[in-house]
N, C-alpha and C. Protein backbone atom coordinates (compact mmCIF):
# COMPACT_ATOMS: atom_id res chain seq x y z
N MET A 1 5.00 7.17 -2.59
CA MET A 1 3.70 7.08 -1.95
C MET A 1 2.88 8.32 -2.34
N THR A 2 1.67 8.10 -2.80
CA THR A 2 0.83 9.21 -3.24
C THR A 2 0.31 10.01 -2.04
N GLU A 3 -0.08 11.23 -2.29
CA GLU A 3 -0.64 12.06 -1.23
C GLU A 3 -1.94 11.46 -0.70
N ASP A 4 -2.75 10.86 -1.57
CA ASP A 4 -3.98 10.21 -1.13
C ASP A 4 -3.69 9.06 -0.18
N LYS A 5 -2.68 8.26 -0.51
CA LYS A 5 -2.30 7.13 0.34
C LYS A 5 -1.79 7.63 1.69
N LYS A 6 -0.98 8.69 1.65
CA LYS A 6 -0.47 9.28 2.90
C LYS A 6 -1.63 9.76 3.78
N GLN A 7 -2.62 10.40 3.16
CA GLN A 7 -3.77 10.90 3.91
C GLN A 7 -4.53 9.75 4.54
N GLU A 8 -4.69 8.66 3.81
CA GLU A 8 -5.39 7.48 4.32
C GLU A 8 -4.65 6.88 5.52
N ILE A 9 -3.34 6.74 5.39
CA ILE A 9 -2.50 6.20 6.47
C ILE A 9 -2.57 7.12 7.69
N TYR A 10 -2.46 8.41 7.46
CA TYR A 10 -2.47 9.41 8.53
C TYR A 10 -3.78 9.33 9.32
N LYS A 11 -4.90 9.31 8.60
CA LYS A 11 -6.20 9.27 9.25
C LYS A 11 -6.36 8.00 10.07
N GLU A 12 -5.99 6.87 9.50
CA GLU A 12 -6.10 5.59 10.21
C GLU A 12 -5.20 5.58 11.45
N PHE A 13 -4.00 6.12 11.31
CA PHE A 13 -3.06 6.20 12.42
C PHE A 13 -3.66 7.00 13.58
N TYR A 14 -4.22 8.17 13.26
CA TYR A 14 -4.79 9.00 14.31
C TYR A 14 -6.09 8.43 14.87
N ASP A 15 -6.77 7.59 14.12
CA ASP A 15 -7.92 6.85 14.65
C ASP A 15 -7.47 5.74 15.59
N ASN A 16 -6.35 5.10 15.26
CA ASN A 16 -5.84 3.99 16.06
C ASN A 16 -5.10 4.43 17.31
N VAL A 17 -4.25 5.40 17.18
CA VAL A 17 -3.39 5.82 18.30
C VAL A 17 -4.18 6.79 19.17
N ASN A 18 -4.75 6.26 20.24
CA ASN A 18 -5.62 7.07 21.08
C ASN A 18 -4.94 7.56 22.36
N MET A 19 -3.64 7.35 22.46
CA MET A 19 -2.88 7.85 23.61
C MET A 19 -2.12 9.11 23.18
N THR A 20 -2.06 10.08 24.07
CA THR A 20 -1.29 11.29 23.79
C THR A 20 0.20 10.96 23.92
N PRO A 21 1.06 11.79 23.34
CA PRO A 21 2.49 11.54 23.52
C PRO A 21 2.90 11.45 24.99
N SER A 22 2.35 12.30 25.85
CA SER A 22 2.75 12.25 27.26
C SER A 22 2.21 10.99 27.95
N GLU A 23 0.99 10.57 27.61
CA GLU A 23 0.46 9.31 28.17
C GLU A 23 1.33 8.13 27.74
N LEU A 24 1.72 8.12 26.47
CA LEU A 24 2.53 7.03 25.95
C LEU A 24 3.93 7.06 26.58
N GLU A 25 4.49 8.23 26.74
CA GLU A 25 5.80 8.36 27.40
C GLU A 25 5.75 7.80 28.82
N ASP A 26 4.73 8.20 29.57
CA ASP A 26 4.58 7.70 30.95
C ASP A 26 4.41 6.19 30.95
N TRP A 27 3.62 5.66 30.02
CA TRP A 27 3.40 4.21 29.94
C TRP A 27 4.71 3.48 29.64
N LEU A 28 5.48 3.98 28.68
CA LEU A 28 6.71 3.30 28.27
C LEU A 28 7.75 3.25 29.39
N ASP A 29 7.59 4.11 30.39
CA ASP A 29 8.51 4.11 31.54
C ASP A 29 8.15 3.06 32.59
N THR A 30 7.03 2.37 32.41
CA THR A 30 6.59 1.40 33.42
C THR A 30 7.20 0.02 33.19
N ASP A 31 7.27 -0.75 34.26
CA ASP A 31 7.74 -2.13 34.16
C ASP A 31 6.77 -2.98 33.35
N LYS A 32 5.47 -2.67 33.46
CA LYS A 32 4.47 -3.43 32.70
C LYS A 32 4.71 -3.27 31.20
N SER A 33 5.02 -2.07 30.78
CA SER A 33 5.29 -1.82 29.37
C SER A 33 6.50 -2.62 28.90
N LYS A 34 7.51 -2.68 29.74
CA LYS A 34 8.75 -3.36 29.37
C LYS A 34 8.65 -4.88 29.49
N SER A 35 7.55 -5.37 30.09
CA SER A 35 7.42 -6.81 30.35
C SER A 35 6.81 -7.59 29.20
N VAL A 36 6.35 -6.90 28.16
CA VAL A 36 5.65 -7.59 27.07
C VAL A 36 6.31 -7.33 25.73
N GLY A 37 6.01 -8.21 24.78
CA GLY A 37 6.46 -8.01 23.41
C GLY A 37 7.65 -8.85 23.04
N GLN A 38 7.85 -8.92 21.75
CA GLN A 38 8.94 -9.70 21.18
C GLN A 38 10.22 -8.87 21.21
N ASP A 39 11.28 -9.47 21.75
CA ASP A 39 12.57 -8.78 21.85
C ASP A 39 13.10 -8.48 20.45
N SER A 40 13.58 -7.27 20.27
CA SER A 40 14.11 -6.87 18.97
C SER A 40 15.57 -7.28 18.81
N GLY A 41 16.13 -7.95 19.81
CA GLY A 41 17.51 -8.40 19.73
C GLY A 41 18.45 -7.64 20.63
N ASP A 42 17.97 -6.54 21.19
CA ASP A 42 18.84 -5.74 22.05
C ASP A 42 18.26 -5.56 23.45
N GLY A 43 17.28 -6.40 23.80
CA GLY A 43 16.68 -6.33 25.12
C GLY A 43 15.44 -5.46 25.21
N GLU A 44 15.15 -4.72 24.15
CA GLU A 44 13.95 -3.89 24.12
C GLU A 44 12.98 -4.50 23.10
N SER A 45 11.71 -4.55 23.46
CA SER A 45 10.74 -5.16 22.55
C SER A 45 10.48 -4.27 21.34
N ILE A 46 10.01 -4.90 20.28
CA ILE A 46 9.69 -4.19 19.05
C ILE A 46 8.61 -3.14 19.33
N GLY A 47 7.58 -3.53 20.11
CA GLY A 47 6.50 -2.61 20.43
C GLY A 47 6.97 -1.42 21.25
N HIS A 48 7.89 -1.67 22.18
CA HIS A 48 8.41 -0.60 23.02
C HIS A 48 9.15 0.42 22.15
N LYS A 49 9.97 -0.07 21.21
CA LYS A 49 10.67 0.82 20.29
C LYS A 49 9.67 1.59 19.44
N SER A 50 8.63 0.89 19.01
CA SER A 50 7.60 1.53 18.20
C SER A 50 6.95 2.68 18.96
N GLY A 51 6.70 2.48 20.25
CA GLY A 51 6.09 3.53 21.06
C GLY A 51 6.88 4.82 21.03
N HIS A 52 8.21 4.70 21.06
CA HIS A 52 9.06 5.90 21.01
C HIS A 52 8.94 6.59 19.64
N LYS A 53 8.86 5.79 18.58
CA LYS A 53 8.69 6.37 17.25
C LYS A 53 7.33 7.06 17.13
N ILE A 54 6.30 6.45 17.73
CA ILE A 54 4.96 7.04 17.70
C ILE A 54 4.96 8.40 18.39
N ILE A 55 5.63 8.50 19.51
CA ILE A 55 5.74 9.79 20.22
C ILE A 55 6.35 10.84 19.29
N ASP A 56 7.44 10.48 18.62
CA ASP A 56 8.09 11.42 17.70
C ASP A 56 7.16 11.83 16.57
N ILE A 57 6.44 10.85 16.00
CA ILE A 57 5.52 11.14 14.90
C ILE A 57 4.42 12.08 15.36
N LYS A 58 3.85 11.81 16.53
CA LYS A 58 2.74 12.64 17.01
C LYS A 58 3.21 14.05 17.38
N ARG A 59 4.48 14.22 17.61
CA ARG A 59 5.02 15.55 17.94
C ARG A 59 5.56 16.27 16.71
N THR A 60 5.40 15.65 15.55
CA THR A 60 5.88 16.23 14.31
C THR A 60 4.70 16.83 13.54
N LYS A 61 4.89 18.00 12.99
CA LYS A 61 3.85 18.61 12.17
C LYS A 61 3.61 17.73 10.94
N LYS A 62 2.36 17.65 10.53
CA LYS A 62 2.01 16.80 9.39
C LYS A 62 2.87 17.10 8.17
N ALA A 63 3.09 18.37 7.89
CA ALA A 63 3.88 18.77 6.72
C ALA A 63 5.33 18.29 6.79
N ASP A 64 5.81 18.00 8.00
CA ASP A 64 7.20 17.60 8.19
C ASP A 64 7.39 16.08 8.29
N LEU A 65 6.30 15.32 8.17
CA LEU A 65 6.42 13.85 8.24
C LEU A 65 7.14 13.32 7.00
N THR A 66 8.01 12.35 7.23
CA THR A 66 8.79 11.75 6.14
C THR A 66 8.13 10.47 5.65
N ASP A 67 8.62 9.96 4.53
CA ASP A 67 8.13 8.68 4.03
C ASP A 67 8.37 7.58 5.07
N SER A 68 9.48 7.67 5.77
CA SER A 68 9.78 6.71 6.83
C SER A 68 8.73 6.77 7.94
N ASN A 69 8.31 7.97 8.29
CA ASN A 69 7.24 8.13 9.28
C ASN A 69 5.96 7.46 8.80
N TYR A 70 5.62 7.68 7.54
CA TYR A 70 4.40 7.07 7.00
C TYR A 70 4.51 5.55 6.98
N GLU A 71 5.69 5.03 6.68
CA GLU A 71 5.88 3.58 6.70
C GLU A 71 5.66 3.04 8.12
N HIS A 72 6.15 3.75 9.11
CA HIS A 72 5.95 3.31 10.49
C HIS A 72 4.48 3.42 10.88
N MET A 73 3.83 4.47 10.47
CA MET A 73 2.41 4.64 10.75
C MET A 73 1.61 3.47 10.15
N LYS A 74 1.99 3.07 8.95
CA LYS A 74 1.34 1.94 8.28
C LYS A 74 1.55 0.65 9.09
N LYS A 75 2.76 0.48 9.61
CA LYS A 75 3.07 -0.68 10.45
C LYS A 75 2.24 -0.67 11.73
N VAL A 76 2.09 0.50 12.34
CA VAL A 76 1.27 0.63 13.56
C VAL A 76 -0.18 0.27 13.25
N ASN A 77 -0.69 0.79 12.15
CA ASN A 77 -2.07 0.50 11.77
C ASN A 77 -2.29 -1.00 11.60
N ALA A 78 -1.36 -1.67 10.95
CA ALA A 78 -1.48 -3.12 10.73
C ALA A 78 -1.41 -3.88 12.05
N TYR A 79 -0.48 -3.49 12.92
CA TYR A 79 -0.34 -4.18 14.20
C TYR A 79 -1.60 -4.02 15.04
N VAL A 80 -2.10 -2.81 15.15
CA VAL A 80 -3.28 -2.56 15.98
C VAL A 80 -4.47 -3.35 15.44
N ALA A 81 -4.67 -3.34 14.14
CA ALA A 81 -5.80 -4.07 13.55
C ALA A 81 -5.68 -5.57 13.83
N ARG A 82 -4.51 -6.12 13.63
CA ARG A 82 -4.26 -7.55 13.86
C ARG A 82 -4.47 -7.91 15.33
N HIS A 83 -3.89 -7.10 16.19
CA HIS A 83 -3.92 -7.41 17.62
C HIS A 83 -5.31 -7.23 18.22
N LYS A 84 -6.04 -6.20 17.77
CA LYS A 84 -7.41 -6.00 18.25
C LYS A 84 -8.28 -7.22 17.94
N ALA A 85 -8.03 -7.85 16.81
CA ALA A 85 -8.81 -9.01 16.40
C ALA A 85 -8.54 -10.23 17.28
N GLN A 86 -7.48 -10.18 18.06
CA GLN A 86 -7.10 -11.30 18.93
C GLN A 86 -7.49 -11.06 20.39
N LYS A 87 -8.48 -10.21 20.61
CA LYS A 87 -8.88 -9.86 21.97
C LYS A 87 -9.23 -11.12 22.77
N PRO A 88 -8.60 -11.27 23.93
CA PRO A 88 -8.89 -12.45 24.76
C PRO A 88 -10.23 -12.31 25.49
N ASP A 89 -10.75 -13.43 25.92
CA ASP A 89 -11.96 -13.42 26.75
C ASP A 89 -11.60 -12.92 28.14
N GLY A 90 -12.57 -12.40 28.83
CA GLY A 90 -12.37 -12.01 30.22
C GLY A 90 -11.89 -10.58 30.38
N ASP A 91 -11.41 -10.30 31.59
CA ASP A 91 -10.96 -8.97 31.96
C ASP A 91 -9.63 -8.66 31.29
N ILE A 92 -9.57 -7.56 30.58
CA ILE A 92 -8.34 -7.18 29.88
C ILE A 92 -7.54 -6.11 30.61
N GLN A 93 -8.07 -5.61 31.73
CA GLN A 93 -7.45 -4.50 32.46
C GLN A 93 -5.95 -4.71 32.67
N GLU A 94 -5.58 -5.85 33.20
CA GLU A 94 -4.17 -6.13 33.52
C GLU A 94 -3.62 -7.25 32.62
N SER A 95 -3.99 -7.23 31.35
CA SER A 95 -3.57 -8.31 30.45
C SER A 95 -2.36 -7.91 29.60
N ASN A 96 -1.56 -8.91 29.26
CA ASN A 96 -0.44 -8.66 28.35
C ASN A 96 -0.94 -8.16 27.01
N TRP A 97 -2.13 -8.61 26.60
CA TRP A 97 -2.73 -8.16 25.34
C TRP A 97 -2.89 -6.63 25.36
N ARG A 98 -3.46 -6.11 26.43
CA ARG A 98 -3.63 -4.65 26.55
C ARG A 98 -2.29 -3.94 26.63
N TYR A 99 -1.37 -4.49 27.40
CA TYR A 99 -0.06 -3.86 27.55
C TYR A 99 0.65 -3.75 26.21
N SER A 100 0.57 -4.81 25.39
CA SER A 100 1.20 -4.77 24.07
C SER A 100 0.58 -3.69 23.20
N LEU A 101 -0.75 -3.62 23.20
CA LEU A 101 -1.42 -2.59 22.40
C LEU A 101 -1.04 -1.19 22.88
N LYS A 102 -0.92 -1.00 24.18
CA LYS A 102 -0.54 0.31 24.69
C LYS A 102 0.87 0.70 24.24
N ASN A 103 1.77 -0.28 24.12
CA ASN A 103 3.10 0.03 23.61
C ASN A 103 3.03 0.59 22.20
N TRP A 104 1.99 0.21 21.47
CA TRP A 104 1.78 0.68 20.08
C TRP A 104 0.84 1.89 20.05
N GLY A 105 0.56 2.49 21.22
CA GLY A 105 -0.20 3.74 21.28
C GLY A 105 -1.71 3.61 21.36
N TYR A 106 -2.20 2.36 21.47
CA TYR A 106 -3.64 2.15 21.53
C TYR A 106 -4.03 1.54 22.87
N ASP A 107 -4.86 2.25 23.62
CA ASP A 107 -5.39 1.70 24.88
C ASP A 107 -6.83 1.27 24.64
N PRO A 108 -7.09 -0.04 24.65
CA PRO A 108 -8.44 -0.53 24.36
C PRO A 108 -9.48 -0.14 25.42
N LEU A 109 -9.04 0.37 26.55
CA LEU A 109 -9.98 0.77 27.59
C LEU A 109 -10.32 2.27 27.53
N LYS A 110 -9.78 2.97 26.57
CA LYS A 110 -10.08 4.41 26.41
C LYS A 110 -11.31 4.59 25.55
């Protein structure tokens, strides 16, 4: 992966992920967070697992990010873009749509 591509992924990731690591940590501890998403096969949703990786990435210095981190950031960017495009009509405050996005570090109400 080129440095230019990494920079593009990094910028998009930080534009998309608008929750701080502590906000995301607190969110992931809630029942609402655990109630949404596709099961990864072990009882925890894919998005919930992603949230933990996002916390680690955001707590890592840019110079110390690995190619694996960038691949996950790319996955987060794609998920957020796809999911934002599926915004439901009506109040999203207590919606599964919002809860799923929050698991991926993006709160649409921020």
